[in-house]
Amino acid sequence: MINLEWLRTFRAVYITKSLSQAAETLSISQPTVSQQIATLEAHLGHKLFIRKSKGVLETDEGKMLNTMISGSIETLEEVEYQLQHKKSQLKSIITIGISQHLYKTTLCQNIQQLGAHVHIKFGNKQTLKRDVEEGKLLYALVPDEINSFDIIGHPLPRQELILVGTPDLDLQGIRTLWESDAAQAEKKLMRQKWYAHDPASGYIKMYWISTFNRKRPSIVPNYIIPNEYEVLFQLSQGSGLSIALAQNAAPFIADGRLVNWDLDPVDFRPFSLITNKKRADKEITERILGLLAEDRKIKP
């Protein structure tokens, strides 16, 4: 097998037309250059250079070899330069795991502030946690507080579940009724069209248990879409209600597509930014935490 160093040495000799100058360029000794060229010639079975009193002259086989390898060697040298003399693009890649719906409402608008090279991976909590532990990801934004031998968890505030609806519904009427007769307000809400992200209606049940005297609602969602962000998007295109995480609903509320019905918000679950203990960079970790802190959708 041909050693890449032989080819690099060959290329240096070809360009400089001198064994001594090639040695200086490569920061190696002239005998090493001579030995590597001789070894390459023996391996190929052809003379690549003709030694002269002043320098060397390439043979036809040398010219052909140079044509074949010049582009590849230059590419490798550029990669080496990037690695040795600049902040390596490879070393500066920030890998973050997150769910699709949370990405769309939390990091989507701010990805350029994280760094020049950011790779996002979508997945569930178990997959993202494993990838951080194994070093496949440097960071992940996951529900719950997680710490382990290979992971450092940076807790973020607990999330809130809120009731959101489209602007065409009688928001003020429901609010007024809820303040005077919560039972009647509950019945009126259950008659609306409902959107949910899972058939079990977990968010709706949790919200109802906390808000309406711990009663389970007899609500069968009209539209079930297995992605929290898409639920809110589809709701904003139609008419109805949904129970959503406050930070997921925030952009829809901000631009007027949905309305927060301002009944009692319900504490749901905490979030954590988890980091690989050995590979995560402290400065980058603080940058991500700062970005999340500035984001109104997840307040510290």
Protein backbone atom coordinates (compact mmCIF):
# COMPACT_ATOMS: atom_id res chain seq x y z
CA MET A 1 0.00 0.00 0.00
CA ILE A 2 1.26 3.47 -0.88
CA ASN A 3 1.96 5.71 2.09
CA LEU A 4 0.35 9.15 1.73
CA GLU A 5 3.54 10.73 3.08
CA TRP A 6 5.41 9.36 0.06
CA LEU A 7 2.96 11.12 -2.23
CA ARG A 8 3.19 14.34 -0.26
CA THR A 9 6.98 14.20 -0.50
CA PHE A 10 6.78 13.43 -4.22
CA ARG A 11 4.52 16.43 -4.74
CA ALA A 12 6.92 18.72 -2.85
CA VAL A 13 9.89 17.54 -4.90
CA TYR A 14 7.89 17.91 -8.12
CA ILE A 15 7.01 21.53 -7.29
CA THR A 16 10.43 22.63 -5.99
CA LYS A 17 12.53 20.51 -8.41
CA SER A 18 14.92 20.06 -5.47
CA LEU A 19 15.33 17.44 -2.75
CA SER A 20 16.76 19.97 -0.31
CA GLN A 21 14.01 22.54 -0.91
CA ALA A 22 11.34 19.84 -0.59
CA ALA A 23 12.88 18.80 2.73
CA GLU A 24 12.75 22.41 3.94
CA THR A 25 9.15 22.77 2.81
CA LEU A 26 8.09 19.61 4.62
CA SER A 27 10.30 20.27 7.69
CA ILE A 28 12.03 16.93 7.35
CA SER A 29 15.61 15.94 6.53
CA GLN A 30 16.92 15.59 2.97
CA PRO A 31 17.87 11.92 3.50
CA THR A 32 14.27 11.24 4.52
CA VAL A 33 13.05 12.88 1.31
CA SER A 34 15.47 10.78 -0.75
CA GLN A 35 14.46 7.60 1.03
CA GLN A 36 10.72 8.23 0.56
CA ILE A 37 11.14 8.99 -3.15
CA ALA A 38 13.26 5.86 -3.62
CA THR A 39 10.67 3.76 -1.77
CA LEU A 40 7.83 5.18 -3.89
CA GLU A 41 9.75 4.51 -7.10
CA ALA A 42 10.44 0.94 -6.00
CA HIS A 43 6.78 0.43 -5.14
CA LEU A 44 5.59 1.75 -8.53
CA GLY A 45 8.39 0.15 -10.55
CA HIS A 46 9.25 3.41 -12.34
CA LYS A 47 11.74 6.21 -11.96
CA LEU A 48 9.92 9.44 -11.12
CA PHE A 49 12.86 11.85 -11.18
CA ILE A 50 16.23 12.11 -12.89
CA ARG A 51 18.87 13.42 -10.49
CA LYS A 52 20.94 16.27 -11.92
CA SER A 53 23.79 18.34 -10.54
CA LYS A 54 21.33 21.07 -9.60
CA GLY A 55 18.02 19.61 -8.58
CA VAL A 56 15.93 16.97 -10.27
CA LEU A 57 13.91 16.61 -13.46
CA GLU A 58 10.64 14.69 -13.52
CA THR A 59 10.23 11.73 -15.87
CA ASP A 60 7.12 11.07 -17.97
CA GLU A 61 5.93 8.70 -15.23
CA GLY A 62 6.53 11.45 -12.68
CA LYS A 63 4.46 13.89 -14.73
CA MET A 64 1.63 11.36 -15.00
CA LEU A 65 1.67 10.63 -11.26
CA ASN A 66 1.58 14.35 -10.48
CA THR A 67 -1.46 14.81 -12.73
CA MET A 68 -3.22 11.95 -10.94
CA ILE A 69 -2.58 13.09 -7.35
CA SER A 70 -2.17 16.87 -7.41
CA GLY A 71 -5.82 17.71 -6.72
CA SER A 72 -6.13 15.20 -3.90
CA ILE A 73 -2.89 16.29 -2.22
CA GLU A 74 -3.92 19.95 -2.37
CA THR A 75 -7.26 19.07 -0.78
CA LEU A 76 -5.53 17.18 2.03
CA GLU A 77 -3.13 20.07 2.59
CA GLU A 78 -6.05 22.49 2.84
CA VAL A 79 -7.73 20.24 5.40
CA GLU A 80 -4.47 20.09 7.37
CA TYR A 81 -4.21 23.87 7.26
CA GLN A 82 -7.76 24.24 8.53
CA LEU A 83 -7.05 21.84 11.38
CA GLN A 84 -3.70 23.33 12.40
CA HIS A 85 -3.96 27.05 11.75
CA LYS A 86 -7.62 27.96 12.11
CA LYS A 87 -10.47 27.15 14.43
CA SER A 88 -11.20 23.85 12.81
CA GLN A 89 -14.58 23.51 11.19
CA LEU A 90 -14.63 19.97 12.50
CA LYS A 91 -13.79 21.00 16.05
CA SER A 92 -16.24 23.89 16.09
CA ILE A 93 -19.32 21.86 15.07
CA ILE A 94 -22.03 22.11 17.73
CA THR A 95 -24.29 19.06 17.75
CA ILE A 96 -27.65 19.48 19.48
CA GLY A 97 -30.47 17.00 19.91
CA ILE A 98 -34.04 18.20 20.31
CA SER A 99 -37.59 17.19 19.43
CA GLN A 100 -38.99 18.55 16.18
CA HIS A 101 -41.78 20.58 17.74
CA LEU A 102 -39.49 22.14 20.35
CA TYR A 103 -36.91 23.00 17.70
CA LYS A 104 -39.49 24.87 15.65
CA THR A 105 -40.55 26.98 18.61
CA THR A 106 -37.26 27.38 20.49
CA LEU A 107 -34.10 27.13 18.37
CA CYS A 108 -35.42 27.58 14.85
CA GLN A 109 -35.24 31.38 14.93
CA ASN A 110 -31.90 31.50 16.75
CA ILE A 111 -29.75 28.78 15.23
CA GLN A 112 -27.26 31.25 13.71
CA GLN A 113 -26.54 32.69 17.14
CA LEU A 114 -25.24 29.33 18.35
CA GLY A 115 -22.24 29.23 16.04
CA ALA A 116 -21.01 28.95 12.48
CA HIS A 117 -21.48 25.18 12.29
CA VAL A 118 -24.52 23.69 14.04
CA HIS A 119 -25.88 20.20 13.41
CA ILE A 120 -29.39 19.42 14.71
CA LYS A 121 -30.66 15.90 15.38
CA PHE A 122 -34.32 15.16 16.09
CA GLY A 123 -35.25 12.38 18.47
CA ASN A 124 -37.05 11.36 21.65
CA LYS A 125 -35.69 11.76 25.16
CA GLN A 126 -34.26 8.25 25.45
CA THR A 127 -32.46 8.40 22.09
CA LEU A 128 -31.03 11.86 22.70
CA LYS A 129 -29.88 10.96 26.21
CA ARG A 130 -28.06 7.88 24.90
CA ASP A 131 -26.42 9.87 22.10
CA VAL A 132 -25.11 12.46 24.58
CA GLU A 133 -23.78 9.72 26.87
CA GLU A 134 -21.98 8.06 23.95
CA GLY A 135 -20.56 11.35 22.68
CA LYS A 136 -22.51 11.30 19.42
CA LEU A 137 -24.14 14.56 20.53
CA LEU A 138 -22.58 17.31 22.61
CA TYR A 139 -25.92 18.73 23.79
CA ALA A 140 -29.60 17.87 23.94
CA LEU A 141 -32.70 19.70 25.13
CA VAL A 142 -34.91 17.15 26.83
CA PRO A 143 -37.84 17.00 29.26
CA ASP A 144 -37.11 16.21 32.90
CA GLU A 145 -33.96 16.74 34.92
CA ILE A 146 -31.22 14.30 33.94
CA ASN A 147 -27.79 13.70 35.45
CA SER A 148 -25.58 10.64 35.07
CA PHE A 149 -21.92 9.62 35.08
CA ASP A 150 -21.35 10.92 31.54
CA ILE A 151 -23.96 13.71 31.52
CA ILE A 152 -24.27 17.09 33.19
CA GLY A 153 -27.83 18.39 33.38
CA HIS A 154 -28.55 22.12 33.37
CA PRO A 155 -32.14 22.48 34.58
CA LEU A 156 -34.45 24.95 32.90
CA PRO A 157 -37.75 26.19 34.34
CA ARG A 158 -40.80 23.99 34.44
CA GLN A 159 -43.12 24.37 31.49
CA GLU A 160 -46.74 25.45 31.65
CA LEU A 161 -49.75 24.04 29.86
CA ILE A 162 -52.13 26.72 28.60
CA LEU A 163 -55.46 26.78 26.82
CA VAL A 164 -55.19 28.35 23.37
CA GLY A 165 -57.79 28.96 20.69
CA THR A 166 -58.44 30.72 17.43
CA PRO A 167 -59.40 34.42 17.47
CA ASP A 168 -62.88 33.77 16.03
CA LEU A 169 -64.13 32.13 19.24
CA ASP A 170 -65.84 34.04 22.04
CA LEU A 171 -62.83 34.30 24.31
CA GLN A 172 -64.18 37.04 26.55
CA GLY A 173 -67.50 35.26 26.99
CA ILE A 174 -65.78 32.08 28.16
CA ARG A 175 -63.52 34.01 30.54
CA THR A 176 -66.48 35.82 32.08
CA LEU A 177 -68.46 32.60 32.40
CA TRP A 178 -65.48 30.78 33.93
CA GLU A 179 -65.15 33.44 36.64
CA SER A 180 -68.83 33.17 37.59
CA ASP A 181 -69.67 29.54 36.78
CA ALA A 182 -66.72 27.27 36.07
CA ALA A 183 -68.96 24.23 35.50
CA GLN A 184 -70.89 25.94 32.70
CA ALA A 185 -67.67 27.24 31.18
CA GLU A 186 -66.34 23.69 31.21
CA LYS A 187 -69.40 22.39 29.36
CA LYS A 188 -69.13 25.12 26.76
CA LEU A 189 -65.45 24.37 26.22
CA MET A 190 -66.14 20.67 25.74
CA ARG A 191 -68.54 21.48 22.88
CA GLN A 192 -65.79 23.16 20.84
CA LYS A 193 -63.62 21.51 18.19
CA TRP A 194 -60.43 20.20 19.76
CA TYR A 195 -56.95 19.57 18.39
CA ALA A 196 -54.44 17.23 20.07
CA HIS A 197 -51.12 15.54 19.35
CA ASP A 198 -51.96 12.13 20.82
CA PRO A 199 -55.10 9.96 20.91
CA ALA A 200 -54.92 9.72 24.71
CA SER A 201 -55.31 13.52 24.96
CA GLY A 202 -52.73 13.66 27.75
CA TYR A 203 -52.39 17.45 27.77
CA ILE A 204 -56.16 17.96 27.81
CA LYS A 205 -56.67 15.52 30.68
CA MET A 206 -53.86 17.01 32.74
CA TYR A 207 -55.16 20.52 32.21
CA TRP A 208 -58.72 19.52 33.09
CA ILE A 209 -57.73 17.67 36.25
CA SER A 210 -55.92 20.77 37.52
CA THR A 211 -58.34 23.47 36.35
CA PHE A 212 -61.86 22.07 36.67
CA ASN A 213 -62.09 20.48 40.09
CA ARG A 214 -60.07 17.45 39.01
CA LYS A 215 -62.73 16.24 36.59
CA ARG A 216 -61.69 14.25 33.56
CA PRO A 217 -63.19 15.76 30.42
CA SER A 218 -65.36 13.81 28.02
CA ILE A 219 -63.51 15.36 25.10
CA VAL A 220 -62.72 13.37 21.98
CA PRO A 221 -60.35 15.44 19.85
CA ASN A 222 -61.57 16.18 16.35
CA TYR A 223 -58.08 16.39 14.91
CA ILE A 224 -55.06 14.38 16.08
CA ILE A 225 -51.67 15.21 14.58
CA PRO A 226 -48.58 13.52 16.11
CA ASN A 227 -46.48 16.66 16.39
CA GLU A 228 -47.13 19.45 18.88
CA TYR A 229 -45.99 22.24 16.58
CA GLU A 230 -48.09 20.96 13.67
CA VAL A 231 -51.14 20.75 15.94
CA LEU A 232 -50.83 24.45 16.66
CA PHE A 233 -50.17 25.29 13.03
CA GLN A 234 -53.25 23.37 11.86
CA LEU A 235 -55.33 24.92 14.63
CA SER A 236 -54.24 28.38 13.49
CA GLN A 237 -55.55 27.55 10.01
CA GLY A 238 -58.98 26.55 11.28
CA SER A 239 -61.17 27.09 14.34
CA GLY A 240 -61.05 25.44 17.73
CA LEU A 241 -59.08 24.88 20.90
CA SER A 242 -56.03 23.00 22.13
CA ILE A 243 -53.96 22.57 25.26
CA ALA A 244 -50.32 23.36 24.51
CA LEU A 245 -46.99 24.04 26.15
CA ALA A 246 -46.64 27.78 26.62
CA GLN A 247 -43.33 28.05 24.77
CA ASN A 248 -44.69 26.08 21.80
CA ALA A 249 -47.70 28.36 21.52
CA ALA A 250 -45.76 31.60 22.07
CA PRO A 251 -44.94 32.40 18.41
CA PHE A 252 -48.53 31.72 17.35
CA ILE A 253 -49.84 33.98 20.10
CA ALA A 254 -47.29 36.70 19.34
CA ASP A 255 -48.38 37.08 15.73
CA GLY A 256 -52.10 36.85 16.50
CA ARG A 257 -52.82 33.48 14.90
CA LEU A 258 -53.86 32.04 18.28
CA VAL A 259 -55.09 33.51 21.55
CA ASN A 260 -54.14 32.53 25.09
CA TRP A 261 -57.43 32.08 26.90
CA ASP A 262 -55.81 33.08 30.19
CA LEU A 263 -57.47 30.52 32.41
CA ASP A 264 -55.24 28.93 35.03
CA PRO A 265 -51.91 27.76 33.54
CA VAL A 266 -50.82 24.34 34.73
CA ASP A 267 -47.25 23.44 35.70
CA PHE A 268 -46.26 20.50 33.56
CA ARG A 269 -42.64 19.36 33.51
CA PRO A 270 -39.11 20.75 33.66
CA PHE A 271 -36.67 20.86 30.80
CA SER A 272 -32.91 20.30 30.92
CA LEU A 273 -30.03 21.09 28.64
CA ILE A 274 -27.88 17.98 28.98
CA THR A 275 -24.22 18.01 27.97
CA ASN A 276 -21.55 15.40 27.45
CA LYS A 277 -19.33 15.74 30.53
CA LYS A 278 -16.05 15.13 28.68
CA ARG A 279 -16.63 16.78 25.30
CA ALA A 280 -18.90 19.77 25.86
CA ASP A 281 -17.26 23.19 25.85
CA LYS A 282 -18.03 25.41 28.83
CA GLU A 283 -18.18 28.61 26.77
CA ILE A 284 -20.56 27.08 24.23
CA THR A 285 -22.70 25.62 27.00
CA GLU A 286 -23.06 29.06 28.58
CA ARG A 287 -23.88 30.54 25.18
CA ILE A 288 -26.71 28.04 24.64
CA LEU A 289 -28.06 28.55 28.16
CA GLY A 290 -27.90 32.32 27.65
CA LEU A 291 -29.79 32.02 24.39
CA LEU A 292 -32.50 29.95 26.05
CA ALA A 293 -32.64 32.44 28.92
CA GLU A 294 -33.14 35.34 26.51
CA ASP A 295 -35.82 33.44 24.65
CA ARG A 296 -39.14 34.41 26.19
CA LYS A 297 -40.43 30.95 25.48
CA ILE A 298 -38.16 29.46 28.18
CA LYS A 299 -37.44 31.91 30.96
CA PRO A 300 -34.91 31.26 33.72
